[in-house]
Amino acid sequence: MLTVHHLNNSRSQRVLWLLEELGTPYEIKKYERTPQQRAPPELLAISPLGKSPVITDGSVTLAESGAIVEYLIGKYGNGKAVPTDSGYLDNLYFTHYAEGSFMPIVTQKYIFDFIPKQAPFFIRPILSLVFGQLDKQFVQPEMTKHLTLIEAHLSKSQSVWFAGGAEPTAADYQMAFPLEALVAYTPGSVGPSIKKFVDAVHSREAYSKALEKGGPYSYATM
């Protein structure tokens, strides 16, 4: 049986959504974050980096959500989640852009917000000021460029999806996690096409089934 090693509030939610869309049988082994919001050490027994998502499929153990998404579509897709010829390059680009370019800046923004809140109260104001300035000068300008790029692409897409087809493809599974996190926590920073995309993701029956099986997920503002 295909097993998803699923960490709460993580990228592994996109793997559950994909499997529900494909109709592929699977089981879930759930893990909970530590109080420091880290993956628990139990995941080290599955993958050397101890992070999620990880899947085990027979003799295959595979980490990295992009690799997992491509593997599952290739092995279990049966023609689903495949872009049209005209959408091939968009699908290829955004599948790899999601983690290669976009998530690092999203993660930086999260860290710059998280660190002051976790600091002892007597230095919290100083750290808030320092990290606030770092965010303003370095992170936010980059974030604006990324969100402008994404909004412009989606506004010109022939459908709500990144590759312009009738159904989500690998690019959508990859882009969903960072975009729904931004819509949930900084809705004023994203444009109408991005919100429309996230709404379309959340309205999928397969997405709802994945939430039921995966458990609480902070970014599903449904």
N, C-alpha and C. Protein backbone atom coordinates (compact mmCIF):
# COMPACT_ATOMS: atom_id res chain seq x y z
N MET A 1 0.84 -1.20 0.00
CA MET A 1 0.00 0.00 0.00
C MET A 1 0.87 1.25 0.00
N LEU A 2 0.51 2.20 -0.80
CA LEU A 2 1.18 3.49 -0.83
C LEU A 2 0.90 4.21 0.50
N THR A 3 1.94 4.70 1.14
CA THR A 3 1.80 5.38 2.42
C THR A 3 2.33 6.81 2.31
N VAL A 4 1.54 7.76 2.81
CA VAL A 4 1.97 9.15 2.90
C VAL A 4 2.31 9.44 4.35
N HIS A 5 3.55 9.84 4.59
CA HIS A 5 3.97 10.24 5.93
C HIS A 5 3.65 11.73 6.05
N HIS A 6 2.57 11.99 6.75
CA HIS A 6 1.90 13.29 6.69
C HIS A 6 2.13 14.09 7.96
N LEU A 7 2.70 15.29 7.79
CA LEU A 7 2.93 16.22 8.89
C LEU A 7 1.87 17.31 8.85
N ASN A 8 1.31 17.63 10.00
CA ASN A 8 0.27 18.66 10.03
C ASN A 8 0.81 20.00 9.54
N ASN A 9 -0.04 20.77 8.88
CA ASN A 9 0.32 22.10 8.37
C ASN A 9 1.61 22.07 7.55
N SER A 10 1.65 21.18 6.59
CA SER A 10 2.86 21.06 5.78
C SER A 10 2.52 20.81 4.32
N ARG A 11 3.56 20.74 3.53
CA ARG A 11 3.41 20.50 2.10
C ARG A 11 2.78 19.14 1.80
N SER A 12 2.76 18.24 2.75
CA SER A 12 2.19 16.92 2.48
C SER A 12 0.69 16.97 2.22
N GLN A 13 0.04 18.08 2.60
CA GLN A 13 -1.39 18.21 2.30
C GLN A 13 -1.63 18.19 0.80
N ARG A 14 -0.71 18.78 0.02
CA ARG A 14 -0.86 18.78 -1.43
C ARG A 14 -0.78 17.36 -2.00
N VAL A 15 -0.02 16.47 -1.34
CA VAL A 15 0.09 15.09 -1.80
C VAL A 15 -1.23 14.36 -1.57
N LEU A 16 -1.85 14.59 -0.42
CA LEU A 16 -3.16 13.99 -0.16
C LEU A 16 -4.18 14.46 -1.18
N TRP A 17 -4.19 15.76 -1.47
CA TRP A 17 -5.12 16.30 -2.47
C TRP A 17 -4.91 15.62 -3.82
N LEU A 18 -3.65 15.51 -4.25
CA LEU A 18 -3.37 14.89 -5.53
C LEU A 18 -3.86 13.44 -5.56
N LEU A 19 -3.59 12.68 -4.51
CA LEU A 19 -4.01 11.28 -4.49
C LEU A 19 -5.52 11.15 -4.53
N GLU A 20 -6.24 12.07 -3.87
CA GLU A 20 -7.69 12.04 -3.94
C GLU A 20 -8.17 12.37 -5.36
N GLU A 21 -7.52 13.30 -6.01
CA GLU A 21 -7.88 13.63 -7.40
C GLU A 21 -7.64 12.43 -8.33
N LEU A 22 -6.55 11.71 -8.09
CA LEU A 22 -6.22 10.57 -8.95
C LEU A 22 -7.03 9.33 -8.61
N GLY A 23 -7.65 9.33 -7.43
CA GLY A 23 -8.41 8.14 -7.01
C GLY A 23 -7.50 6.97 -6.66
N THR A 24 -6.30 7.28 -6.19
CA THR A 24 -5.32 6.24 -5.86
C THR A 24 -5.45 5.82 -4.40
N PRO A 25 -5.61 4.54 -4.13
CA PRO A 25 -5.67 4.11 -2.72
C PRO A 25 -4.37 4.41 -1.99
N TYR A 26 -4.47 4.82 -0.74
CA TYR A 26 -3.29 5.12 0.06
C TYR A 26 -3.65 5.08 1.53
N GLU A 27 -2.64 5.01 2.36
CA GLU A 27 -2.85 5.15 3.79
C GLU A 27 -1.99 6.29 4.31
N ILE A 28 -2.37 6.82 5.46
CA ILE A 28 -1.68 7.96 6.04
C ILE A 28 -1.06 7.56 7.36
N LYS A 29 0.20 7.93 7.55
CA LYS A 29 0.82 7.86 8.86
C LYS A 29 1.04 9.30 9.29
N LYS A 30 0.39 9.71 10.38
CA LYS A 30 0.39 11.11 10.79
C LYS A 30 1.49 11.41 11.81
N TYR A 31 2.05 12.61 11.66
CA TYR A 31 3.07 13.12 12.57
C TYR A 31 2.65 14.53 12.99
N GLU A 32 2.98 14.91 14.22
CA GLU A 32 2.65 16.23 14.73
C GLU A 32 3.91 17.06 14.95
N ARG A 33 3.81 18.35 14.64
CA ARG A 33 4.95 19.24 14.85
C ARG A 33 5.26 19.37 16.35
N THR A 34 6.51 19.67 16.63
CA THR A 34 6.93 19.94 18.00
C THR A 34 6.44 21.33 18.41
N PRO A 35 6.53 21.70 19.70
CA PRO A 35 6.16 23.06 20.10
C PRO A 35 6.95 24.15 19.38
N GLN A 36 8.13 23.79 18.87
CA GLN A 36 8.94 24.75 18.11
C GLN A 36 8.57 24.76 16.63
N GLN A 37 7.46 24.04 16.29
CA GLN A 37 6.96 23.96 14.92
C GLN A 37 7.89 23.21 13.98
N ARG A 38 8.69 22.32 14.54
CA ARG A 38 9.57 21.49 13.73
C ARG A 38 8.95 20.12 13.53
N ALA A 39 9.44 19.40 12.51
CA ALA A 39 9.00 18.02 12.31
C ALA A 39 9.54 17.17 13.46
N PRO A 40 8.80 16.16 13.89
CA PRO A 40 9.26 15.33 15.00
C PRO A 40 10.41 14.41 14.57
N PRO A 41 11.24 13.99 15.52
CA PRO A 41 12.39 13.14 15.17
C PRO A 41 11.99 11.79 14.57
N GLU A 42 10.75 11.36 14.79
CA GLU A 42 10.31 10.08 14.23
C GLU A 42 10.43 10.03 12.71
N LEU A 43 10.34 11.19 12.06
CA LEU A 43 10.45 11.21 10.61
C LEU A 43 11.86 10.88 10.12
N LEU A 44 12.85 11.02 11.00
CA LEU A 44 14.21 10.67 10.62
C LEU A 44 14.34 9.18 10.32
N ALA A 45 13.46 8.38 10.88
CA ALA A 45 13.49 6.95 10.60
C ALA A 45 13.00 6.63 9.19
N ILE A 46 12.30 7.58 8.58
CA ILE A 46 11.76 7.38 7.23
C ILE A 46 12.66 8.00 6.18
N SER A 47 13.15 9.20 6.46
CA SER A 47 13.97 9.93 5.49
C SER A 47 15.13 10.60 6.23
N PRO A 48 16.33 10.62 5.64
CA PRO A 48 17.51 11.16 6.35
C PRO A 48 17.37 12.60 6.81
N LEU A 49 16.57 13.42 6.10
CA LEU A 49 16.41 14.82 6.50
C LEU A 49 15.27 14.99 7.51
N GLY A 50 14.47 13.95 7.69
CA GLY A 50 13.41 14.01 8.69
C GLY A 50 12.33 15.02 8.40
N LYS A 51 12.00 15.21 7.13
CA LYS A 51 11.00 16.20 6.77
C LYS A 51 9.84 15.54 6.03
N SER A 52 8.75 16.29 5.88
CA SER A 52 7.56 15.80 5.21
C SER A 52 7.25 16.77 4.06
N PRO A 53 6.72 16.27 2.93
CA PRO A 53 6.18 14.92 2.74
C PRO A 53 7.25 13.89 2.38
N VAL A 54 6.93 12.68 2.75
CA VAL A 54 7.65 11.49 2.31
C VAL A 54 6.60 10.45 1.98
N ILE A 55 6.82 9.70 0.92
CA ILE A 55 5.95 8.58 0.63
C ILE A 55 6.78 7.31 0.60
N THR A 56 6.14 6.20 0.96
CA THR A 56 6.72 4.88 0.72
C THR A 56 5.74 4.12 -0.16
N ASP A 57 6.29 3.52 -1.20
CA ASP A 57 5.47 2.82 -2.19
C ASP A 57 6.21 1.55 -2.57
N GLY A 58 5.91 0.46 -1.86
CA GLY A 58 6.69 -0.76 -2.05
C GLY A 58 8.12 -0.52 -1.60
N SER A 59 9.06 -0.73 -2.50
CA SER A 59 10.47 -0.53 -2.17
C SER A 59 10.92 0.91 -2.34
N VAL A 60 10.03 1.76 -2.80
CA VAL A 60 10.37 3.16 -3.06
C VAL A 60 10.10 4.02 -1.83
N THR A 61 11.08 4.79 -1.42
CA THR A 61 10.90 5.85 -0.44
C THR A 61 11.32 7.15 -1.10
N LEU A 62 10.39 8.11 -1.14
CA LEU A 62 10.65 9.33 -1.91
C LEU A 62 10.24 10.55 -1.12
N ALA A 63 11.15 11.52 -1.02
CA ALA A 63 10.87 12.80 -0.38
C ALA A 63 10.85 13.88 -1.45
N GLU A 64 10.65 15.13 -1.02
CA GLU A 64 10.54 16.31 -1.88
C GLU A 64 9.20 16.30 -2.62
N SER A 65 8.36 17.28 -2.28
CA SER A 65 7.00 17.28 -2.81
C SER A 65 6.95 17.35 -4.32
N GLY A 66 7.88 18.10 -4.95
CA GLY A 66 7.88 18.17 -6.41
C GLY A 66 8.15 16.81 -7.03
N ALA A 67 9.12 16.10 -6.49
CA ALA A 67 9.44 14.76 -6.99
C ALA A 67 8.27 13.81 -6.75
N ILE A 68 7.65 13.93 -5.58
CA ILE A 68 6.50 13.06 -5.26
C ILE A 68 5.34 13.32 -6.21
N VAL A 69 5.04 14.59 -6.46
CA VAL A 69 3.93 14.93 -7.36
C VAL A 69 4.19 14.35 -8.75
N GLU A 70 5.39 14.54 -9.27
CA GLU A 70 5.69 14.01 -10.61
C GLU A 70 5.66 12.48 -10.62
N TYR A 71 6.16 11.86 -9.58
CA TYR A 71 6.16 10.39 -9.49
C TYR A 71 4.73 9.85 -9.49
N LEU A 72 3.88 10.44 -8.66
CA LEU A 72 2.50 9.94 -8.54
C LEU A 72 1.71 10.14 -9.83
N ILE A 73 1.88 11.30 -10.46
CA ILE A 73 1.18 11.54 -11.72
C ILE A 73 1.67 10.56 -12.79
N GLY A 74 2.99 10.34 -12.83
CA GLY A 74 3.54 9.42 -13.82
C GLY A 74 3.12 7.98 -13.62
N LYS A 75 3.04 7.55 -12.35
CA LYS A 75 2.73 6.14 -12.08
C LYS A 75 1.24 5.87 -11.97
N TYR A 76 0.49 6.80 -11.37
CA TYR A 76 -0.91 6.53 -11.07
C TYR A 76 -1.89 7.46 -11.79
N GLY A 77 -1.38 8.37 -12.60
CA GLY A 77 -2.25 9.38 -13.20
C GLY A 77 -3.21 8.87 -14.24
N ASN A 78 -2.80 7.86 -15.01
CA ASN A 78 -3.67 7.33 -16.08
C ASN A 78 -4.24 8.45 -16.96
N GLY A 79 -3.39 9.39 -17.31
CA GLY A 79 -3.80 10.48 -18.18
C GLY A 79 -4.33 11.71 -17.47
N LYS A 80 -4.55 11.62 -16.15
CA LYS A 80 -5.01 12.78 -15.39
C LYS A 80 -3.82 13.69 -15.05
N ALA A 81 -4.13 14.97 -14.82
CA ALA A 81 -3.15 15.96 -14.37
C ALA A 81 -2.05 16.21 -15.40
N VAL A 82 -2.33 15.89 -16.66
CA VAL A 82 -1.36 16.11 -17.73
C VAL A 82 -1.74 17.38 -18.48
N PRO A 83 -0.81 18.32 -18.63
CA PRO A 83 -1.15 19.57 -19.32
C PRO A 83 -1.35 19.37 -20.81
N THR A 84 -2.06 20.29 -21.41
CA THR A 84 -2.17 20.31 -22.86
C THR A 84 -0.82 20.71 -23.45
N ASP A 85 -0.69 20.54 -24.76
CA ASP A 85 0.56 20.94 -25.41
C ASP A 85 0.84 22.42 -25.19
N SER A 86 -0.21 23.24 -25.26
CA SER A 86 -0.02 24.68 -25.10
C SER A 86 0.32 25.06 -23.67
N GLY A 87 -0.04 24.22 -22.72
CA GLY A 87 0.24 24.50 -21.31
C GLY A 87 1.47 23.82 -20.77
N TYR A 88 2.18 23.09 -21.63
CA TYR A 88 3.32 22.28 -21.16
C TYR A 88 4.39 23.13 -20.48
N LEU A 89 4.81 24.22 -21.11
CA LEU A 89 5.89 25.03 -20.55
C LEU A 89 5.47 25.74 -19.26
N ASP A 90 4.21 26.22 -19.22
CA ASP A 90 3.73 26.85 -17.99
C ASP A 90 3.71 25.84 -16.85
N ASN A 91 3.27 24.63 -17.14
CA ASN A 91 3.24 23.60 -16.11
C ASN A 91 4.66 23.27 -15.64
N LEU A 92 5.58 23.13 -16.59
CA LEU A 92 6.97 22.82 -16.25
C LEU A 92 7.57 23.93 -15.39
N TYR A 93 7.37 25.17 -15.81
CA TYR A 93 7.96 26.30 -15.10
C TYR A 93 7.43 26.41 -13.67
N PHE A 94 6.11 26.46 -13.51
CA PHE A 94 5.54 26.71 -12.18
C PHE A 94 5.67 25.50 -11.26
N THR A 95 5.79 24.29 -11.81
CA THR A 95 6.05 23.12 -10.98
C THR A 95 7.37 23.28 -10.25
N HIS A 96 8.38 23.82 -10.92
CA HIS A 96 9.70 23.96 -10.32
C HIS A 96 9.90 25.33 -9.67
N TYR A 97 9.22 26.34 -10.17
CA TYR A 97 9.29 27.68 -9.58
C TYR A 97 8.76 27.68 -8.15
N ALA A 98 7.74 26.88 -7.89
CA ALA A 98 7.07 26.89 -6.58
C ALA A 98 8.05 26.70 -5.44
N GLU A 99 8.92 25.71 -5.55
CA GLU A 99 9.89 25.45 -4.48
C GLU A 99 11.24 26.10 -4.76
N GLY A 100 11.60 26.24 -6.03
CA GLY A 100 12.92 26.77 -6.35
C GLY A 100 13.06 28.26 -6.13
N SER A 101 12.01 29.04 -6.42
CA SER A 101 12.09 30.50 -6.31
C SER A 101 11.10 31.10 -5.32
N PHE A 102 9.88 30.58 -5.30
CA PHE A 102 8.82 31.23 -4.54
C PHE A 102 8.84 30.88 -3.06
N MET A 103 8.94 29.58 -2.74
CA MET A 103 8.87 29.18 -1.33
C MET A 103 9.99 29.76 -0.48
N PRO A 104 11.22 29.92 -0.99
CA PRO A 104 12.25 30.53 -0.13
C PRO A 104 11.87 31.91 0.38
N ILE A 105 11.24 32.74 -0.45
CA ILE A 105 10.87 34.07 0.02
C ILE A 105 9.66 34.01 0.94
N VAL A 106 8.74 33.07 0.69
CA VAL A 106 7.60 32.88 1.60
C VAL A 106 8.11 32.42 2.97
N THR A 107 9.08 31.51 2.96
CA THR A 107 9.65 31.01 4.21
C THR A 107 10.39 32.12 4.96
N GLN A 108 11.12 32.94 4.24
CA GLN A 108 11.80 34.07 4.90
C GLN A 108 10.80 34.97 5.61
N LYS A 109 9.71 35.26 4.94
CA LYS A 109 8.70 36.13 5.54
C LYS A 109 8.13 35.49 6.80
N TYR A 110 7.89 34.19 6.76
CA TYR A 110 7.37 33.48 7.93
C TYR A 110 8.39 33.53 9.08
N ILE A 111 9.65 33.29 8.77
CA ILE A 111 10.69 33.27 9.81
C ILE A 111 10.85 34.65 10.44
N PHE A 112 10.85 35.70 9.61
CA PHE A 112 11.02 37.05 10.14
C PHE A 112 9.86 37.46 11.04
N ASP A 113 8.70 36.88 10.80
CA ASP A 113 7.55 37.14 11.66
C ASP A 113 7.57 36.25 12.90
N PHE A 114 8.06 35.02 12.73
CA PHE A 114 8.01 34.02 13.80
C PHE A 114 9.03 34.30 14.90
N ILE A 115 10.25 34.67 14.53
CA ILE A 115 11.33 34.81 15.51
C ILE A 115 11.01 35.84 16.60
N PRO A 116 10.57 37.06 16.27
CA PRO A 116 10.27 38.01 17.36
C PRO A 116 9.17 37.52 18.29
N LYS A 117 8.19 36.83 17.75
CA LYS A 117 7.08 36.35 18.58
C LYS A 117 7.52 35.27 19.56
N GLN A 118 8.59 34.54 19.23
CA GLN A 118 9.07 33.46 20.09
C GLN A 118 10.16 33.92 21.07
N ALA A 119 10.61 35.14 20.91
CA ALA A 119 11.70 35.65 21.75
C ALA A 119 11.19 36.00 23.14
N PRO A 120 12.07 36.03 24.15
CA PRO A 120 11.68 36.51 25.48
C PRO A 120 11.08 37.91 25.38
N PHE A 121 10.10 38.19 26.22
CA PHE A 121 9.31 39.41 26.08
C PHE A 121 10.16 40.68 26.17
N PHE A 122 11.27 40.63 26.94
CA PHE A 122 12.05 41.85 27.17
C PHE A 122 12.88 42.26 25.94
N ILE A 123 13.13 41.32 25.00
CA ILE A 123 13.85 41.71 23.78
C ILE A 123 12.94 41.68 22.55
N ARG A 124 11.67 41.31 22.78
CA ARG A 124 10.74 41.20 21.66
C ARG A 124 10.57 42.50 20.88
N PRO A 125 10.45 43.67 21.56
CA PRO A 125 10.31 44.92 20.80
C PRO A 125 11.51 45.23 19.90
N ILE A 126 12.71 44.93 20.40
CA ILE A 126 13.91 45.18 19.61
C ILE A 126 13.95 44.27 18.39
N LEU A 127 13.67 42.99 18.61
CA LEU A 127 13.69 42.05 17.49
C LEU A 127 12.58 42.36 16.49
N SER A 128 11.43 42.78 16.99
CA SER A 128 10.35 43.15 16.08
C SER A 128 10.76 44.30 15.19
N LEU A 129 11.47 45.26 15.76
CA LEU A 129 11.94 46.40 14.99
C LEU A 129 12.98 45.97 13.96
N VAL A 130 13.93 45.15 14.38
CA VAL A 130 15.00 44.72 13.48
C VAL A 130 14.46 43.88 12.34
N PHE A 131 13.66 42.86 12.70
CA PHE A 131 13.15 41.98 11.65
C PHE A 131 12.09 42.68 10.80
N GLY A 132 11.39 43.63 11.38
CA GLY A 132 10.44 44.42 10.60
C GLY A 132 11.13 45.22 9.52
N GLN A 133 12.28 45.79 9.85
CA GLN A 133 13.05 46.54 8.87
C GLN A 133 13.65 45.63 7.81
N LEU A 134 14.14 44.45 8.23
CA LEU A 134 14.66 43.49 7.27
C LEU A 134 13.56 43.06 6.30
N ASP A 135 12.38 42.82 6.83
CA ASP A 135 11.25 42.43 5.99
C ASP A 135 10.92 43.55 5.00
N LYS A 136 10.88 44.77 5.49
CA LYS A 136 10.52 45.91 4.65
C LYS A 136 11.54 46.15 3.54
N GLN A 137 12.83 46.01 3.87
CA GLN A 137 13.87 46.35 2.92
C GLN A 137 14.25 45.21 1.97
N PHE A 138 14.15 43.98 2.45
CA PHE A 138 14.65 42.86 1.65
C PHE A 138 13.56 41.87 1.22
N VAL A 139 12.69 41.49 2.13
CA VAL A 139 11.73 40.44 1.82
C VAL A 139 10.54 40.98 1.03
N GLN A 140 9.94 42.05 1.51
CA GLN A 140 8.71 42.53 0.88
C GLN A 140 8.90 42.96 -0.58
N PRO A 141 10.01 43.63 -0.93
CA PRO A 141 10.19 43.96 -2.35
C PRO A 141 10.24 42.72 -3.24
N GLU A 142 10.91 41.65 -2.75
CA GLU A 142 10.96 40.41 -3.52
C GLU A 142 9.59 39.75 -3.59
N MET A 143 8.89 39.75 -2.46
CA MET A 143 7.56 39.17 -2.43
C MET A 143 6.63 39.87 -3.42
N THR A 144 6.73 41.19 -3.49
CA THR A 144 5.90 41.95 -4.42
C THR A 144 6.17 41.54 -5.86
N LYS A 145 7.44 41.34 -6.21
CA LYS A 145 7.78 40.91 -7.57
C LYS A 145 7.18 39.55 -7.88
N HIS A 146 7.28 38.63 -6.94
CA HIS A 146 6.74 37.29 -7.16
C HIS A 146 5.21 37.32 -7.31
N LEU A 147 4.56 38.02 -6.41
CA LEU A 147 3.09 38.05 -6.47
C LEU A 147 2.60 38.77 -7.72
N THR A 148 3.33 39.76 -8.19
CA THR A 148 2.98 40.43 -9.43
C THR A 148 3.09 39.47 -10.61
N LEU A 149 4.17 38.68 -10.63
CA LEU A 149 4.37 37.68 -11.68
C LEU A 149 3.23 36.67 -11.69
N ILE A 150 2.91 36.13 -10.51
CA ILE A 150 1.88 35.10 -10.41
C ILE A 150 0.51 35.65 -10.79
N GLU A 151 0.18 36.82 -10.27
CA GLU A 151 -1.12 37.43 -10.56
C GLU A 151 -1.26 37.68 -12.07
N ALA A 152 -0.20 38.19 -12.69
CA ALA A 152 -0.25 38.47 -14.13
C ALA A 152 -0.45 37.19 -14.93
N HIS A 153 0.23 36.12 -14.51
CA HIS A 153 0.07 34.85 -15.23
C HIS A 153 -1.35 34.31 -15.10
N LEU A 154 -1.85 34.25 -13.88
CA LEU A 154 -3.19 33.70 -13.68
C LEU A 154 -4.27 34.55 -14.34
N SER A 155 -4.08 35.86 -14.37
CA SER A 155 -5.09 36.73 -14.99
C SER A 155 -5.17 36.51 -16.49
N LYS A 156 -4.10 35.98 -17.10
CA LYS A 156 -4.09 35.73 -18.54
C LYS A 156 -4.35 34.27 -18.89
N SER A 157 -4.44 33.41 -17.87
CA SER A 157 -4.64 31.98 -18.11
C SER A 157 -6.01 31.74 -18.73
N GLN A 158 -6.10 30.71 -19.55
CA GLN A 158 -7.36 30.36 -20.19
C GLN A 158 -8.32 29.68 -19.22
N SER A 159 -7.85 29.36 -18.05
CA SER A 159 -8.70 28.80 -16.99
C SER A 159 -8.16 29.30 -15.66
N VAL A 160 -8.69 28.77 -14.57
CA VAL A 160 -8.21 29.17 -13.25
C VAL A 160 -6.87 28.52 -12.91
N TRP A 161 -6.46 27.51 -13.71
CA TRP A 161 -5.27 26.72 -13.40
C TRP A 161 -4.03 27.27 -14.10
N PHE A 162 -2.87 26.93 -13.56
CA PHE A 162 -1.62 27.52 -14.05
C PHE A 162 -1.28 27.11 -15.48
N ALA A 163 -1.63 25.90 -15.88
CA ALA A 163 -1.33 25.46 -17.25
C ALA A 163 -2.47 25.77 -18.21
N GLY A 164 -3.54 26.38 -17.71
CA GLY A 164 -4.62 26.83 -18.58
C GLY A 164 -5.59 25.76 -19.03
N GLY A 165 -5.51 24.58 -18.45
CA GLY A 165 -6.41 23.50 -18.84
C GLY A 165 -7.65 23.42 -17.98
N ALA A 166 -8.42 22.35 -18.20
CA ALA A 166 -9.68 22.19 -17.48
C ALA A 166 -9.50 21.62 -16.08
N GLU A 167 -8.36 20.99 -15.82
CA GLU A 167 -8.11 20.33 -14.55
C GLU A 167 -6.75 20.75 -14.00
N PRO A 168 -6.55 20.64 -12.69
CA PRO A 168 -5.24 20.97 -12.11
C PRO A 168 -4.16 20.03 -12.59
N THR A 169 -2.96 20.56 -12.71
CA THR A 169 -1.78 19.77 -13.08
C THR A 169 -0.73 19.91 -11.98
N ALA A 170 0.45 19.37 -12.22
CA ALA A 170 1.50 19.40 -11.20
C ALA A 170 1.78 20.81 -10.69
N ALA A 171 1.75 21.79 -11.58
CA ALA A 171 2.00 23.17 -11.18
C ALA A 171 1.02 23.65 -10.13
N ASP A 172 -0.24 23.26 -10.26
CA ASP A 172 -1.26 23.69 -9.30
C ASP A 172 -1.07 23.03 -7.94
N TYR A 173 -0.71 21.76 -7.94
CA TYR A 173 -0.46 21.09 -6.66
C TYR A 173 0.73 21.73 -5.95
N GLN A 174 1.73 22.12 -6.72
CA GLN A 174 2.92 22.74 -6.13
C GLN A 174 2.66 24.17 -5.67
N MET A 175 1.91 24.93 -6.44
CA MET A 175 1.68 26.34 -6.11
C MET A 175 0.62 26.53 -5.05
N ALA A 176 -0.22 25.55 -4.81
CA ALA A 176 -1.34 25.72 -3.88
C ALA A 176 -0.86 26.03 -2.47
N PHE A 177 0.14 25.32 -1.98
CA PHE A 177 0.55 25.47 -0.58
C PHE A 177 1.00 26.90 -0.25
N PRO A 178 1.96 27.48 -0.98
CA PRO A 178 2.36 28.84 -0.62
C PRO A 178 1.27 29.87 -0.83
N LEU A 179 0.45 29.69 -1.87
CA LEU A 179 -0.58 30.70 -2.14
C LEU A 179 -1.71 30.64 -1.12
N GLU A 180 -2.12 29.45 -0.71
CA GLU A 180 -3.19 29.40 0.28
C GLU A 180 -2.70 29.89 1.64
N ALA A 181 -1.40 29.71 1.92
CA ALA A 181 -0.85 30.25 3.17
C ALA A 181 -0.89 31.78 3.15
N LEU A 182 -0.54 32.39 2.03
CA LEU A 182 -0.57 33.85 1.93
C LEU A 182 -1.99 34.38 1.98
N VAL A 183 -2.92 33.70 1.31
CA VAL A 183 -4.32 34.13 1.34
C VAL A 183 -4.87 34.03 2.76
N ALA A 184 -4.45 33.01 3.51
CA ALA A 184 -4.96 32.81 4.87
C ALA A 184 -4.44 33.87 5.83
N TYR A 185 -3.15 34.26 5.69
CA TYR A 185 -2.52 35.10 6.70
C TYR A 185 -2.25 36.53 6.26
N THR A 186 -2.10 36.76 4.95
CA THR A 186 -1.90 38.13 4.46
C THR A 186 -2.79 38.35 3.24
N PRO A 187 -4.11 38.25 3.39
CA PRO A 187 -5.00 38.33 2.23
C PRO A 187 -4.89 39.64 1.46
N GLY A 188 -4.49 40.71 2.13
CA GLY A 188 -4.36 41.98 1.45
C GLY A 188 -3.18 42.05 0.50
N SER A 189 -2.28 41.08 0.58
CA SER A 189 -1.08 41.11 -0.26
C SER A 189 -1.28 40.47 -1.62
N VAL A 190 -2.38 39.73 -1.80
CA VAL A 190 -2.56 38.97 -3.04
C VAL A 190 -3.70 39.56 -3.86
N GLY A 191 -3.62 39.35 -5.17
CA GLY A 191 -4.60 39.89 -6.08
C GLY A 191 -5.80 38.98 -6.28
N PRO A 192 -6.79 39.43 -7.05
CA PRO A 192 -8.03 38.67 -7.23
C PRO A 192 -7.84 37.34 -7.96
N SER A 193 -6.90 37.27 -8.89
CA SER A 193 -6.70 36.02 -9.61
C SER A 193 -6.09 34.95 -8.71
N ILE A 194 -5.20 35.36 -7.82
CA ILE A 194 -4.63 34.41 -6.85
C ILE A 194 -5.72 33.92 -5.90
N LYS A 195 -6.56 34.83 -5.42
CA LYS A 195 -7.66 34.41 -4.54
C LYS A 195 -8.61 33.47 -5.27
N LYS A 196 -8.86 33.75 -6.53
CA LYS A 196 -9.75 32.89 -7.32
C LYS A 196 -9.15 31.50 -7.46
N PHE A 197 -7.84 31.44 -7.65
CA PHE A 197 -7.16 30.15 -7.74
C PHE A 197 -7.31 29.36 -6.44
N VAL A 198 -7.03 30.01 -5.31
CA VAL A 198 -7.13 29.33 -4.02
C VAL A 198 -8.57 28.89 -3.75
N ASP A 199 -9.53 29.73 -4.10
CA ASP A 199 -10.95 29.34 -3.94
C ASP A 199 -11.27 28.11 -4.78
N ALA A 200 -10.71 28.06 -6.00
CA ALA A 200 -10.95 26.91 -6.88
C ALA A 200 -10.36 25.64 -6.29
N VAL A 201 -9.17 25.76 -5.71
CA VAL A 201 -8.55 24.61 -5.04
C VAL A 201 -9.44 24.12 -3.90
N HIS A 202 -9.86 25.06 -3.06
CA HIS A 202 -10.64 24.69 -1.87
C HIS A 202 -12.02 24.16 -2.21
N SER A 203 -12.52 24.47 -3.39
CA SER A 203 -13.86 24.01 -3.77
C SER A 203 -13.85 22.61 -4.37
N ARG A 204 -12.67 22.04 -4.60
CA ARG A 204 -12.58 20.70 -5.19
C ARG A 204 -13.04 19.66 -4.18
N GLU A 205 -13.85 18.73 -4.64
CA GLU A 205 -14.31 17.64 -3.77
C GLU A 205 -13.13 16.83 -3.25
N ALA A 206 -12.14 16.60 -4.11
CA ALA A 206 -10.96 15.84 -3.70
C ALA A 206 -10.19 16.56 -2.61
N TYR A 207 -10.16 17.87 -2.67
CA TYR A 207 -9.46 18.65 -1.64
C TYR A 207 -10.16 18.48 -0.29
N SER A 208 -11.50 18.53 -0.30
CA SER A 208 -12.25 18.35 0.94
C SER A 208 -12.02 16.96 1.53
N LYS A 209 -11.96 15.95 0.68
CA LYS A 209 -11.69 14.60 1.15
C LYS A 209 -10.29 14.50 1.76
N ALA A 210 -9.33 15.18 1.13
CA ALA A 210 -7.97 15.17 1.66
C ALA A 210 -7.91 15.83 3.03
N LEU A 211 -8.68 16.90 3.22
CA LEU A 211 -8.72 17.56 4.53
C LEU A 211 -9.32 16.65 5.59
N GLU A 212 -10.37 15.94 5.23
CA GLU A 212 -11.01 15.03 6.18
C GLU A 212 -10.03 13.96 6.65
N LYS A 213 -9.24 13.46 5.72
CA LYS A 213 -8.31 12.39 6.07
C LYS A 213 -7.04 12.92 6.74
N GLY A 214 -6.59 14.11 6.32
CA GLY A 214 -5.34 14.63 6.83
C GLY A 214 -5.42 15.30 8.17
N GLY A 215 -6.61 15.77 8.52
CA GLY A 215 -6.78 16.43 9.82
C GLY A 215 -6.62 17.94 9.72
N PRO A 216 -6.59 18.64 10.85
CA PRO A 216 -6.54 20.10 10.89
C PRO A 216 -5.43 20.66 10.01
N TYR A 217 -5.77 21.73 9.30
CA TYR A 217 -4.85 22.36 8.36
C TYR A 217 -5.13 23.84 8.37
N SER A 218 -4.20 24.63 8.88
CA SER A 218 -4.45 26.04 9.17
C SER A 218 -4.70 26.89 7.93
N TYR A 219 -4.24 26.44 6.76
CA TYR A 219 -4.29 27.28 5.58
C TYR A 219 -5.56 27.10 4.76
N ALA A 220 -6.43 26.21 5.18
CA ALA A 220 -7.68 25.99 4.46
C ALA A 220 -8.75 26.92 5.02
N THR A 221 -8.80 28.15 4.51
CA THR A 221 -9.77 29.14 4.97
C THR A 221 -11.06 28.94 4.19
N MET A 222 -11.75 27.83 4.49
CA MET A 222 -12.95 27.47 3.72
C MET A 222 -14.20 27.87 4.48
